[in-house]
Amino acid sequence: MSLIITPEDPKPVEYIPNYVWRLNYDFEYEHGGSLQYDVGSLLDTVRTNSELESNNAFSTASASLESYAPHNWECLQKFFYIIHKQLIPIWDHWGYFNCHITPRESWINIHKRGGITTEHLHSPCPMVLSCYLKAPRGSGNFLIRDPLEYHRFGSPQVPEQNLWKEIPVQTNDILVFPGWLKHATQPNNTDEDRVVLSINYEGH
């Protein structure tokens, strides 16, 4: 008796962690409340831009450790309380040591028309959050660089032609990823600001 094997569609086997996660939180940034006021005050206070910002863009990253950095704002304490419970499973999924995680640094990036954040990483920071307080339609998406690019050489493809993966974003999206993952942004092609809150987490 012959054995008939019915072919099935191939299914991927997950053998490495998922390194990019998407969460969502209603920051209510455009409601004109205290968060928008605090962002404006911070931008007025910080005068030194980051070298990573290009064209029509500005970052308060130079003050990311100051007492007036966003992770110390009263208006964001509810957000940090709620999001903490969602970050723990991601931390565990990445195989990190069981420890207490807290925000260490935070800053605001503002991108006007044409503004971008150029390629960079946050290493040795173990966890990064990019929180889109305002992302108008057409204001550009998030880009991650293939972390396996050097391992793909020798395969039947041209790895350098497919280095970047585009991740669509919209207002209130939160992207969570490890600090070693190289990333950048597309240019803002609108006349409205793209406003991003960036947070570096540490474990201790």
N, C-alpha and C. Protein backbone atom coordinates (compact mmCIF):
# COMPACT_ATOMS: atom_id res chain seq x y z
N MET A 1 0.86 -1.19 0.00
CA MET A 1 0.00 0.00 0.00
C MET A 1 0.89 1.24 0.00
N SER A 2 0.65 2.10 -0.96
CA SER A 2 1.47 3.31 -1.06
C SER A 2 0.96 4.38 -0.09
N LEU A 3 1.89 5.17 0.38
CA LEU A 3 1.59 6.25 1.31
C LEU A 3 1.49 7.56 0.53
N ILE A 4 0.32 8.18 0.62
CA ILE A 4 0.11 9.44 -0.09
C ILE A 4 0.27 10.59 0.90
N ILE A 5 1.17 11.48 0.60
CA ILE A 5 1.41 12.64 1.46
C ILE A 5 0.78 13.87 0.81
N THR A 6 -0.16 14.46 1.51
CA THR A 6 -0.81 15.65 1.00
C THR A 6 0.06 16.87 1.28
N PRO A 7 0.50 17.56 0.26
CA PRO A 7 1.36 18.73 0.49
C PRO A 7 0.59 19.85 1.19
N GLU A 8 1.27 20.51 2.08
CA GLU A 8 0.69 21.64 2.80
C GLU A 8 1.50 22.88 2.49
N ASP A 9 0.89 24.03 2.68
CA ASP A 9 1.62 25.28 2.52
C ASP A 9 2.74 25.35 3.54
N PRO A 10 3.90 25.85 3.16
CA PRO A 10 5.00 25.96 4.13
C PRO A 10 4.65 26.91 5.26
N LYS A 11 5.10 26.58 6.44
CA LYS A 11 4.83 27.41 7.61
C LYS A 11 6.16 27.79 8.26
N PRO A 12 6.32 29.05 8.61
CA PRO A 12 7.59 29.45 9.23
C PRO A 12 7.73 28.89 10.65
N VAL A 13 8.95 28.60 11.03
CA VAL A 13 9.26 28.16 12.38
C VAL A 13 9.98 29.32 13.08
N GLU A 14 9.39 29.84 14.10
CA GLU A 14 10.00 30.97 14.81
C GLU A 14 11.12 30.45 15.71
N TYR A 15 12.32 30.84 15.38
CA TYR A 15 13.46 30.39 16.17
C TYR A 15 14.28 31.55 16.74
N ILE A 16 13.95 32.79 16.36
CA ILE A 16 14.58 33.96 16.96
C ILE A 16 13.47 34.86 17.50
N PRO A 17 13.77 35.66 18.50
CA PRO A 17 12.74 36.54 19.07
C PRO A 17 12.23 37.57 18.07
N ASN A 18 11.04 38.06 18.31
CA ASN A 18 10.53 39.21 17.56
C ASN A 18 11.13 40.46 18.18
N TYR A 19 11.86 41.19 17.38
CA TYR A 19 12.62 42.31 17.93
C TYR A 19 11.95 43.67 17.77
N VAL A 20 10.81 43.73 17.09
CA VAL A 20 10.08 44.99 16.97
C VAL A 20 8.62 44.73 17.35
N TRP A 21 8.12 45.50 18.30
CA TRP A 21 6.76 45.35 18.80
C TRP A 21 6.03 46.68 18.65
N ARG A 22 4.72 46.58 18.45
CA ARG A 22 3.90 47.77 18.34
C ARG A 22 2.87 47.78 19.47
N LEU A 23 2.84 48.89 20.22
CA LEU A 23 1.84 49.12 21.25
C LEU A 23 1.07 50.38 20.86
N ASN A 24 0.06 50.71 21.65
CA ASN A 24 -0.73 51.90 21.35
C ASN A 24 -1.20 52.53 22.65
N TYR A 25 -1.15 53.85 22.68
CA TYR A 25 -1.61 54.60 23.85
C TYR A 25 -2.12 55.96 23.38
N ASP A 26 -3.25 56.36 23.90
CA ASP A 26 -3.82 57.65 23.51
C ASP A 26 -3.17 58.77 24.33
N PHE A 27 -2.19 59.41 23.74
CA PHE A 27 -1.47 60.48 24.43
C PHE A 27 -2.28 61.78 24.50
N GLU A 28 -3.28 61.90 23.65
CA GLU A 28 -4.11 63.11 23.62
C GLU A 28 -3.26 64.36 23.40
N TYR A 29 -2.22 64.19 22.59
CA TYR A 29 -1.28 65.30 22.39
C TYR A 29 -1.93 66.49 21.71
N GLU A 30 -2.78 66.23 20.74
CA GLU A 30 -3.35 67.32 19.95
C GLU A 30 -4.57 67.95 20.60
N HIS A 31 -4.86 67.57 21.84
CA HIS A 31 -5.99 68.17 22.54
C HIS A 31 -5.62 69.49 23.21
N GLY A 32 -4.33 69.86 23.09
CA GLY A 32 -3.89 71.13 23.65
C GLY A 32 -3.72 71.12 25.16
N GLY A 33 -3.48 69.94 25.75
CA GLY A 33 -3.34 69.83 27.20
C GLY A 33 -1.91 70.05 27.67
N SER A 34 -1.63 69.52 28.86
CA SER A 34 -0.34 69.76 29.50
C SER A 34 0.82 69.09 28.75
N LEU A 35 0.57 67.96 28.08
CA LEU A 35 1.65 67.31 27.35
C LEU A 35 2.17 68.20 26.23
N GLN A 36 1.27 68.77 25.46
CA GLN A 36 1.67 69.66 24.38
C GLN A 36 2.40 70.89 24.94
N TYR A 37 1.92 71.39 26.06
CA TYR A 37 2.57 72.54 26.70
C TYR A 37 3.99 72.18 27.15
N ASP A 38 4.14 71.00 27.79
CA ASP A 38 5.46 70.59 28.27
C ASP A 38 6.43 70.36 27.12
N VAL A 39 5.95 69.81 26.00
CA VAL A 39 6.80 69.63 24.83
C VAL A 39 7.29 70.99 24.33
N GLY A 40 6.39 71.95 24.24
CA GLY A 40 6.77 73.28 23.78
C GLY A 40 7.77 73.94 24.71
N SER A 41 7.57 73.78 26.02
CA SER A 41 8.49 74.36 27.00
C SER A 41 9.87 73.73 26.90
N LEU A 42 9.91 72.41 26.69
CA LEU A 42 11.19 71.72 26.55
C LEU A 42 11.94 72.21 25.32
N LEU A 43 11.24 72.36 24.22
CA LEU A 43 11.87 72.84 22.99
C LEU A 43 12.41 74.26 23.16
N ASP A 44 11.74 75.07 23.97
CA ASP A 44 12.22 76.42 24.24
C ASP A 44 13.44 76.42 25.14
N THR A 45 13.57 75.36 25.97
CA THR A 45 14.67 75.29 26.95
C THR A 45 15.95 74.75 26.34
N VAL A 46 15.83 73.69 25.52
CA VAL A 46 17.00 73.02 24.96
C VAL A 46 17.43 73.71 23.67
N ARG A 47 18.65 74.16 23.64
CA ARG A 47 19.14 74.92 22.49
C ARG A 47 20.11 74.13 21.62
N THR A 48 20.55 72.97 22.09
CA THR A 48 21.54 72.19 21.36
C THR A 48 20.87 71.05 20.61
N ASN A 49 20.95 71.05 19.30
CA ASN A 49 20.33 70.01 18.50
C ASN A 49 21.23 68.77 18.44
N SER A 50 20.65 67.65 18.03
CA SER A 50 21.39 66.41 17.86
C SER A 50 21.94 66.34 16.44
N GLU A 51 23.15 65.78 16.29
CA GLU A 51 23.75 65.62 14.97
C GLU A 51 22.98 64.60 14.13
N LEU A 52 22.14 63.81 14.77
CA LEU A 52 21.37 62.80 14.04
C LEU A 52 20.18 63.39 13.29
N GLU A 53 19.80 64.61 13.67
CA GLU A 53 18.66 65.25 13.01
C GLU A 53 19.15 66.01 11.78
N SER A 54 18.42 65.85 10.69
CA SER A 54 18.85 66.46 9.43
C SER A 54 17.69 67.22 8.80
N ASN A 55 18.08 68.18 7.99
CA ASN A 55 17.12 69.05 7.30
C ASN A 55 16.31 69.83 8.33
N ASN A 56 15.02 69.80 8.27
CA ASN A 56 14.19 70.65 9.11
C ASN A 56 13.73 69.87 10.35
N ALA A 57 14.69 69.51 11.22
CA ALA A 57 14.39 68.66 12.37
C ALA A 57 15.15 69.14 13.60
N PHE A 58 14.58 68.84 14.77
CA PHE A 58 15.21 69.24 16.03
C PHE A 58 14.95 68.17 17.09
N SER A 59 15.95 67.95 17.95
CA SER A 59 15.84 66.96 19.02
C SER A 59 16.33 67.55 20.33
N THR A 60 15.69 67.14 21.44
CA THR A 60 16.14 67.55 22.78
C THR A 60 17.00 66.47 23.42
N ALA A 61 17.58 65.57 22.60
CA ALA A 61 18.35 64.44 23.14
C ALA A 61 19.52 64.88 24.01
N SER A 62 20.04 66.08 23.78
CA SER A 62 21.17 66.55 24.58
C SER A 62 20.80 66.74 26.04
N ALA A 63 19.49 66.80 26.34
CA ALA A 63 19.02 66.97 27.72
C ALA A 63 18.26 65.74 28.21
N SER A 64 18.57 64.58 27.64
CA SER A 64 17.79 63.37 27.92
C SER A 64 17.92 62.87 29.35
N LEU A 65 18.99 63.30 30.05
CA LEU A 65 19.21 62.86 31.42
C LEU A 65 18.84 63.93 32.45
N GLU A 66 18.39 65.08 31.98
CA GLU A 66 18.10 66.17 32.90
C GLU A 66 16.80 65.91 33.68
N SER A 67 16.64 66.62 34.78
CA SER A 67 15.46 66.45 35.62
C SER A 67 14.18 66.84 34.90
N TYR A 68 14.30 67.70 33.87
CA TYR A 68 13.13 68.14 33.13
C TYR A 68 12.91 67.30 31.86
N ALA A 69 13.60 66.15 31.73
CA ALA A 69 13.37 65.25 30.60
C ALA A 69 11.96 64.66 30.69
N PRO A 70 11.35 64.28 29.58
CA PRO A 70 9.95 63.87 29.57
C PRO A 70 9.57 62.74 30.53
N HIS A 71 10.48 61.79 30.79
CA HIS A 71 10.09 60.68 31.68
C HIS A 71 9.88 61.14 33.12
N ASN A 72 10.21 62.39 33.41
CA ASN A 72 9.97 62.94 34.74
C ASN A 72 8.73 63.83 34.79
N TRP A 73 8.04 64.00 33.68
CA TRP A 73 6.88 64.88 33.64
C TRP A 73 5.68 64.23 34.35
N GLU A 74 4.99 65.03 35.11
CA GLU A 74 3.81 64.53 35.82
C GLU A 74 2.73 64.07 34.84
N CYS A 75 2.59 64.75 33.73
CA CYS A 75 1.52 64.43 32.77
C CYS A 75 1.73 63.08 32.10
N LEU A 76 2.93 62.50 32.20
CA LEU A 76 3.21 61.21 31.58
C LEU A 76 3.28 60.06 32.58
N GLN A 77 3.06 60.32 33.85
CA GLN A 77 3.21 59.27 34.85
C GLN A 77 2.17 58.16 34.67
N LYS A 78 0.96 58.50 34.28
CA LYS A 78 -0.06 57.48 34.01
C LYS A 78 0.37 56.59 32.86
N PHE A 79 0.91 57.21 31.82
CA PHE A 79 1.41 56.45 30.67
C PHE A 79 2.47 55.45 31.09
N PHE A 80 3.46 55.90 31.88
CA PHE A 80 4.54 55.00 32.28
C PHE A 80 4.03 53.87 33.17
N TYR A 81 3.05 54.16 33.99
CA TYR A 81 2.48 53.12 34.85
C TYR A 81 1.79 52.04 34.01
N ILE A 82 1.01 52.48 33.02
CA ILE A 82 0.27 51.53 32.19
C ILE A 82 1.20 50.75 31.27
N ILE A 83 2.14 51.43 30.64
CA ILE A 83 2.99 50.79 29.65
C ILE A 83 3.97 49.81 30.29
N HIS A 84 4.32 50.02 31.55
CA HIS A 84 5.29 49.14 32.22
C HIS A 84 4.83 47.69 32.17
N LYS A 85 3.55 47.45 32.39
CA LYS A 85 3.03 46.07 32.41
C LYS A 85 3.11 45.43 31.04
N GLN A 86 3.09 46.24 29.99
CA GLN A 86 3.19 45.71 28.64
C GLN A 86 4.62 45.47 28.20
N LEU A 87 5.55 46.15 28.83
CA LEU A 87 6.96 46.00 28.46
C LEU A 87 7.60 44.76 29.05
N ILE A 88 7.13 44.33 30.21
CA ILE A 88 7.74 43.18 30.88
C ILE A 88 7.71 41.92 30.02
N PRO A 89 6.57 41.55 29.39
CA PRO A 89 6.58 40.36 28.53
C PRO A 89 7.54 40.48 27.35
N ILE A 90 7.72 41.68 26.82
CA ILE A 90 8.67 41.87 25.72
C ILE A 90 10.09 41.68 26.21
N TRP A 91 10.39 42.26 27.36
CA TRP A 91 11.72 42.10 28.00
C TRP A 91 12.02 40.62 28.19
N ASP A 92 11.04 39.87 28.69
CA ASP A 92 11.22 38.43 28.92
C ASP A 92 11.36 37.68 27.59
N HIS A 93 10.58 38.08 26.59
CA HIS A 93 10.64 37.43 25.28
C HIS A 93 12.04 37.54 24.67
N TRP A 94 12.71 38.64 24.92
CA TRP A 94 14.06 38.84 24.40
C TRP A 94 15.11 38.07 25.19
N GLY A 95 14.71 37.41 26.27
CA GLY A 95 15.64 36.60 27.04
C GLY A 95 16.53 37.38 27.98
N TYR A 96 16.12 38.60 28.32
CA TYR A 96 16.92 39.41 29.24
C TYR A 96 16.81 38.87 30.66
N PHE A 97 17.77 39.25 31.50
CA PHE A 97 17.75 38.86 32.91
C PHE A 97 16.49 39.40 33.59
N ASN A 98 16.00 38.67 34.53
CA ASN A 98 14.84 39.10 35.32
C ASN A 98 15.27 40.21 36.26
N CYS A 99 14.86 41.43 35.96
CA CYS A 99 15.27 42.57 36.77
C CYS A 99 14.22 43.66 36.67
N HIS A 100 14.40 44.71 37.43
CA HIS A 100 13.47 45.84 37.43
C HIS A 100 13.84 46.77 36.29
N ILE A 101 12.87 47.11 35.42
CA ILE A 101 13.15 47.99 34.29
C ILE A 101 12.54 49.36 34.54
N THR A 102 13.30 50.38 34.20
CA THR A 102 12.85 51.75 34.42
C THR A 102 13.34 52.63 33.26
N PRO A 103 12.63 53.72 32.97
CA PRO A 103 13.12 54.67 31.96
C PRO A 103 14.33 55.43 32.49
N ARG A 104 15.38 55.51 31.67
CA ARG A 104 16.61 56.19 32.07
C ARG A 104 16.78 57.53 31.37
N GLU A 105 16.44 57.56 30.10
CA GLU A 105 16.59 58.78 29.30
C GLU A 105 15.34 58.97 28.45
N SER A 106 15.05 60.22 28.12
CA SER A 106 13.93 60.49 27.21
C SER A 106 14.12 61.86 26.57
N TRP A 107 13.55 62.01 25.38
CA TRP A 107 13.68 63.27 24.66
C TRP A 107 12.58 63.37 23.61
N ILE A 108 12.49 64.53 23.00
CA ILE A 108 11.48 64.80 21.99
C ILE A 108 12.18 65.11 20.66
N ASN A 109 11.68 64.50 19.58
CA ASN A 109 12.11 64.83 18.23
C ASN A 109 10.97 65.50 17.48
N ILE A 110 11.26 66.63 16.87
CA ILE A 110 10.29 67.35 16.05
C ILE A 110 10.78 67.37 14.61
N HIS A 111 9.97 66.88 13.69
CA HIS A 111 10.33 66.90 12.27
C HIS A 111 9.30 67.73 11.51
N LYS A 112 9.77 68.83 10.96
CA LYS A 112 8.94 69.63 10.06
C LYS A 112 9.14 69.12 8.63
N ARG A 113 8.60 69.79 7.65
CA ARG A 113 8.69 69.29 6.27
C ARG A 113 10.15 69.01 5.90
N GLY A 114 10.41 67.79 5.44
CA GLY A 114 11.75 67.39 5.03
C GLY A 114 12.62 66.84 6.15
N GLY A 115 12.19 67.01 7.40
CA GLY A 115 13.02 66.60 8.53
C GLY A 115 13.11 65.09 8.68
N ILE A 116 14.30 64.61 9.06
CA ILE A 116 14.52 63.19 9.29
C ILE A 116 15.44 62.99 10.49
N THR A 117 15.39 61.77 11.04
CA THR A 117 16.42 61.29 11.95
C THR A 117 17.25 60.29 11.17
N THR A 118 18.56 60.49 11.10
CA THR A 118 19.42 59.63 10.29
C THR A 118 19.73 58.32 11.02
N GLU A 119 20.36 57.40 10.32
CA GLU A 119 20.65 56.07 10.84
C GLU A 119 21.47 56.12 12.13
N HIS A 120 21.05 55.34 13.13
CA HIS A 120 21.76 55.28 14.39
C HIS A 120 21.27 54.09 15.21
N LEU A 121 21.87 53.89 16.36
CA LEU A 121 21.42 52.89 17.32
C LEU A 121 21.56 53.46 18.72
N HIS A 122 21.02 52.75 19.72
CA HIS A 122 21.03 53.22 21.11
C HIS A 122 21.85 52.33 22.02
N SER A 123 22.61 51.43 21.46
CA SER A 123 23.41 50.50 22.26
C SER A 123 24.36 51.28 23.18
N PRO A 124 24.53 50.83 24.44
CA PRO A 124 24.13 49.56 25.04
C PRO A 124 22.76 49.56 25.71
N CYS A 125 21.88 50.47 25.35
CA CYS A 125 20.55 50.49 25.93
C CYS A 125 19.78 49.22 25.53
N PRO A 126 19.20 48.47 26.47
CA PRO A 126 18.54 47.20 26.12
C PRO A 126 17.17 47.35 25.49
N MET A 127 16.46 48.46 25.75
CA MET A 127 15.10 48.61 25.23
C MET A 127 14.82 50.07 24.92
N VAL A 128 14.24 50.31 23.73
CA VAL A 128 13.93 51.66 23.27
C VAL A 128 12.46 51.74 22.92
N LEU A 129 11.84 52.88 23.24
CA LEU A 129 10.46 53.14 22.84
C LEU A 129 10.44 54.39 21.96
N SER A 130 9.82 54.29 20.80
CA SER A 130 9.54 55.45 19.96
C SER A 130 8.03 55.68 19.97
N CYS A 131 7.62 56.76 20.60
CA CYS A 131 6.19 57.03 20.82
C CYS A 131 5.75 58.18 19.90
N TYR A 132 4.83 57.89 19.02
CA TYR A 132 4.39 58.88 18.04
C TYR A 132 3.25 59.71 18.61
N LEU A 133 3.63 60.85 19.20
CA LEU A 133 2.63 61.77 19.77
C LEU A 133 1.79 62.39 18.67
N LYS A 134 2.43 62.62 17.52
CA LYS A 134 1.71 63.18 16.37
C LYS A 134 2.39 62.69 15.10
N ALA A 135 1.63 61.98 14.28
CA ALA A 135 2.17 61.47 13.02
C ALA A 135 1.12 61.65 11.93
N PRO A 136 1.05 62.83 11.35
CA PRO A 136 0.05 63.09 10.29
C PRO A 136 0.25 62.15 9.10
N ARG A 137 -0.82 61.89 8.38
CA ARG A 137 -0.73 61.06 7.18
C ARG A 137 0.27 61.68 6.21
N GLY A 138 1.21 60.88 5.74
CA GLY A 138 2.22 61.37 4.81
C GLY A 138 3.46 61.94 5.47
N SER A 139 3.54 61.84 6.81
CA SER A 139 4.69 62.43 7.52
C SER A 139 5.87 61.49 7.63
N GLY A 140 5.82 60.32 6.97
CA GLY A 140 6.96 59.42 6.94
C GLY A 140 6.87 58.30 7.96
N ASN A 141 7.45 57.17 7.61
CA ASN A 141 7.41 55.98 8.46
C ASN A 141 8.75 55.71 9.12
N PHE A 142 8.76 54.68 9.95
CA PHE A 142 9.94 54.24 10.69
C PHE A 142 10.71 53.23 9.84
N LEU A 143 12.03 53.26 9.90
CA LEU A 143 12.87 52.36 9.12
C LEU A 143 13.80 51.58 10.04
N ILE A 144 13.91 50.27 9.83
CA ILE A 144 14.89 49.47 10.57
C ILE A 144 15.83 48.80 9.58
N ARG A 145 17.09 48.71 9.96
CA ARG A 145 18.09 48.08 9.10
C ARG A 145 18.20 46.60 9.43
N ASP A 146 18.29 45.79 8.41
CA ASP A 146 18.35 44.34 8.58
C ASP A 146 19.55 43.96 9.45
N PRO A 147 19.32 43.40 10.66
CA PRO A 147 20.45 43.05 11.53
C PRO A 147 21.23 41.84 11.03
N LEU A 148 20.70 41.13 10.03
CA LEU A 148 21.38 39.95 9.49
C LEU A 148 22.07 40.25 8.16
N GLU A 149 22.27 41.50 7.85
CA GLU A 149 22.78 41.86 6.53
C GLU A 149 24.11 41.18 6.21
N TYR A 150 25.02 41.09 7.18
CA TYR A 150 26.33 40.49 6.90
C TYR A 150 26.25 38.98 6.76
N HIS A 151 25.25 38.38 7.39
CA HIS A 151 25.08 36.94 7.31
C HIS A 151 24.44 36.52 5.99
N ARG A 152 23.81 37.44 5.30
CA ARG A 152 23.10 37.12 4.06
C ARG A 152 24.01 37.15 2.84
N PHE A 153 25.23 37.64 2.97
CA PHE A 153 26.14 37.63 1.84
C PHE A 153 26.49 36.19 1.48
N GLY A 154 26.49 35.92 0.20
CA GLY A 154 26.71 34.56 -0.28
C GLY A 154 25.42 33.88 -0.67
N SER A 155 24.29 34.44 -0.26
CA SER A 155 22.99 33.90 -0.67
C SER A 155 22.61 34.49 -2.03
N PRO A 156 21.70 33.83 -2.76
CA PRO A 156 21.37 34.31 -4.12
C PRO A 156 20.48 35.55 -4.12
N GLN A 157 21.06 36.65 -3.69
CA GLN A 157 20.36 37.93 -3.66
C GLN A 157 21.41 39.02 -3.53
N VAL A 158 20.98 40.24 -3.52
CA VAL A 158 21.89 41.37 -3.31
C VAL A 158 21.48 42.02 -2.00
N PRO A 159 22.07 41.60 -0.88
CA PRO A 159 21.62 42.07 0.44
C PRO A 159 21.57 43.58 0.58
N GLU A 160 22.56 44.28 -0.02
CA GLU A 160 22.61 45.72 0.17
C GLU A 160 21.45 46.45 -0.52
N GLN A 161 20.69 45.75 -1.36
CA GLN A 161 19.54 46.38 -2.01
C GLN A 161 18.27 46.27 -1.16
N ASN A 162 18.32 45.47 -0.14
CA ASN A 162 17.13 45.27 0.70
C ASN A 162 17.48 45.41 2.18
N LEU A 163 18.25 46.44 2.48
CA LEU A 163 18.73 46.61 3.85
C LEU A 163 17.67 47.14 4.80
N TRP A 164 16.71 47.90 4.28
CA TRP A 164 15.81 48.63 5.15
C TRP A 164 14.38 48.10 5.07
N LYS A 165 13.75 47.98 6.22
CA LYS A 165 12.36 47.57 6.33
C LYS A 165 11.55 48.75 6.81
N GLU A 166 10.49 49.08 6.06
CA GLU A 166 9.63 50.21 6.41
C GLU A 166 8.50 49.73 7.32
N ILE A 167 8.32 50.43 8.44
CA ILE A 167 7.25 50.10 9.38
C ILE A 167 6.29 51.28 9.43
N PRO A 168 5.07 51.11 8.93
CA PRO A 168 4.10 52.21 8.96
C PRO A 168 3.78 52.62 10.39
N VAL A 169 3.61 53.92 10.60
CA VAL A 169 3.27 54.44 11.92
C VAL A 169 2.17 55.47 11.80
N GLN A 170 1.44 55.65 12.88
CA GLN A 170 0.42 56.68 12.95
C GLN A 170 0.39 57.23 14.37
N THR A 171 -0.35 58.29 14.56
CA THR A 171 -0.45 58.93 15.87
C THR A 171 -0.85 57.91 16.94
N ASN A 172 -0.16 57.96 18.08
CA ASN A 172 -0.37 57.11 19.25
C ASN A 172 0.27 55.73 19.15
N ASP A 173 0.97 55.43 18.05
CA ASP A 173 1.73 54.19 17.96
C ASP A 173 2.97 54.27 18.85
N ILE A 174 3.34 53.12 19.41
CA ILE A 174 4.57 53.00 20.19
C ILE A 174 5.35 51.82 19.63
N LEU A 175 6.55 52.05 19.13
CA LEU A 175 7.40 50.97 18.66
C LEU A 175 8.44 50.64 19.73
N VAL A 176 8.57 49.35 20.03
CA VAL A 176 9.50 48.89 21.06
C VAL A 176 10.54 48.00 20.39
N PHE A 177 11.81 48.27 20.63
CA PHE A 177 12.87 47.50 19.97
C PHE A 177 14.15 47.60 20.80
N PRO A 178 15.09 46.67 20.62
CA PRO A 178 16.35 46.73 21.36
C PRO A 178 17.26 47.83 20.85
N GLY A 179 18.10 48.35 21.73
CA GLY A 179 18.94 49.48 21.37
C GLY A 179 19.97 49.19 20.31
N TRP A 180 20.33 47.91 20.09
CA TRP A 180 21.34 47.59 19.08
C TRP A 180 20.79 47.59 17.66
N LEU A 181 19.47 47.70 17.52
CA LEU A 181 18.86 47.64 16.19
C LEU A 181 18.98 49.00 15.49
N LYS A 182 19.68 49.05 14.39
CA LYS A 182 19.86 50.31 13.67
C LYS A 182 18.54 50.74 13.05
N HIS A 183 18.28 52.04 13.12
CA HIS A 183 17.00 52.55 12.64
C HIS A 183 17.15 54.00 12.18
N ALA A 184 16.11 54.48 11.52
CA ALA A 184 16.09 55.85 11.00
C ALA A 184 14.63 56.19 10.70
N THR A 185 14.40 57.37 10.15
CA THR A 185 13.04 57.74 9.76
C THR A 185 13.02 58.20 8.31
N GLN A 186 11.86 58.10 7.70
CA GLN A 186 11.64 58.72 6.41
C GLN A 186 11.40 60.22 6.62
N PRO A 187 11.57 61.01 5.57
CA PRO A 187 11.31 62.45 5.72
C PRO A 187 9.83 62.74 5.91
N ASN A 188 9.56 63.80 6.63
CA ASN A 188 8.19 64.29 6.78
C ASN A 188 7.83 65.07 5.52
N ASN A 189 6.84 64.59 4.80
CA ASN A 189 6.45 65.24 3.55
C ASN A 189 5.19 66.08 3.69
N THR A 190 4.89 66.50 4.91
CA THR A 190 3.71 67.33 5.14
C THR A 190 4.13 68.68 5.73
N ASP A 191 3.18 69.57 5.84
CA ASP A 191 3.44 70.88 6.46
C ASP A 191 3.10 70.87 7.94
N GLU A 192 2.74 69.69 8.47
CA GLU A 192 2.49 69.54 9.90
C GLU A 192 3.69 68.89 10.57
N ASP A 193 3.87 69.15 11.86
CA ASP A 193 4.98 68.56 12.60
C ASP A 193 4.74 67.08 12.85
N ARG A 194 5.81 66.30 12.77
CA ARG A 194 5.82 64.94 13.31
C ARG A 194 6.51 65.02 14.66
N VAL A 195 5.84 64.55 15.72
CA VAL A 195 6.36 64.70 17.08
C VAL A 195 6.54 63.31 17.70
N VAL A 196 7.76 63.00 18.11
CA VAL A 196 8.09 61.68 18.64
C VAL A 196 8.74 61.80 20.01
N LEU A 197 8.23 61.02 20.95
CA LEU A 197 8.84 60.89 22.27
C LEU A 197 9.69 59.62 22.26
N SER A 198 10.99 59.75 22.50
CA SER A 198 11.90 58.60 22.54
C SER A 198 12.31 58.33 23.99
N ILE A 199 12.35 57.04 24.35
CA ILE A 199 12.65 56.65 25.73
C ILE A 199 13.62 55.49 25.72
N ASN A 200 14.69 55.60 26.48
CA ASN A 200 15.63 54.50 26.71
C ASN A 200 15.35 53.88 28.08
N TYR A 201 15.15 52.55 28.09
CA TYR A 201 14.93 51.83 29.33
C TYR A 201 16.19 51.08 29.74
N GLU A 202 16.36 50.91 31.03
CA GLU A 202 17.47 50.13 31.57
C GLU A 202 16.92 49.13 32.57
N GLY A 203 17.71 48.09 32.85
CA GLY A 203 17.33 47.10 33.84
C GLY A 203 18.35 47.05 34.96
N HIS A 204 17.88 46.91 36.19
CA HIS A 204 18.81 46.84 37.33
C HIS A 204 18.15 46.08 38.48
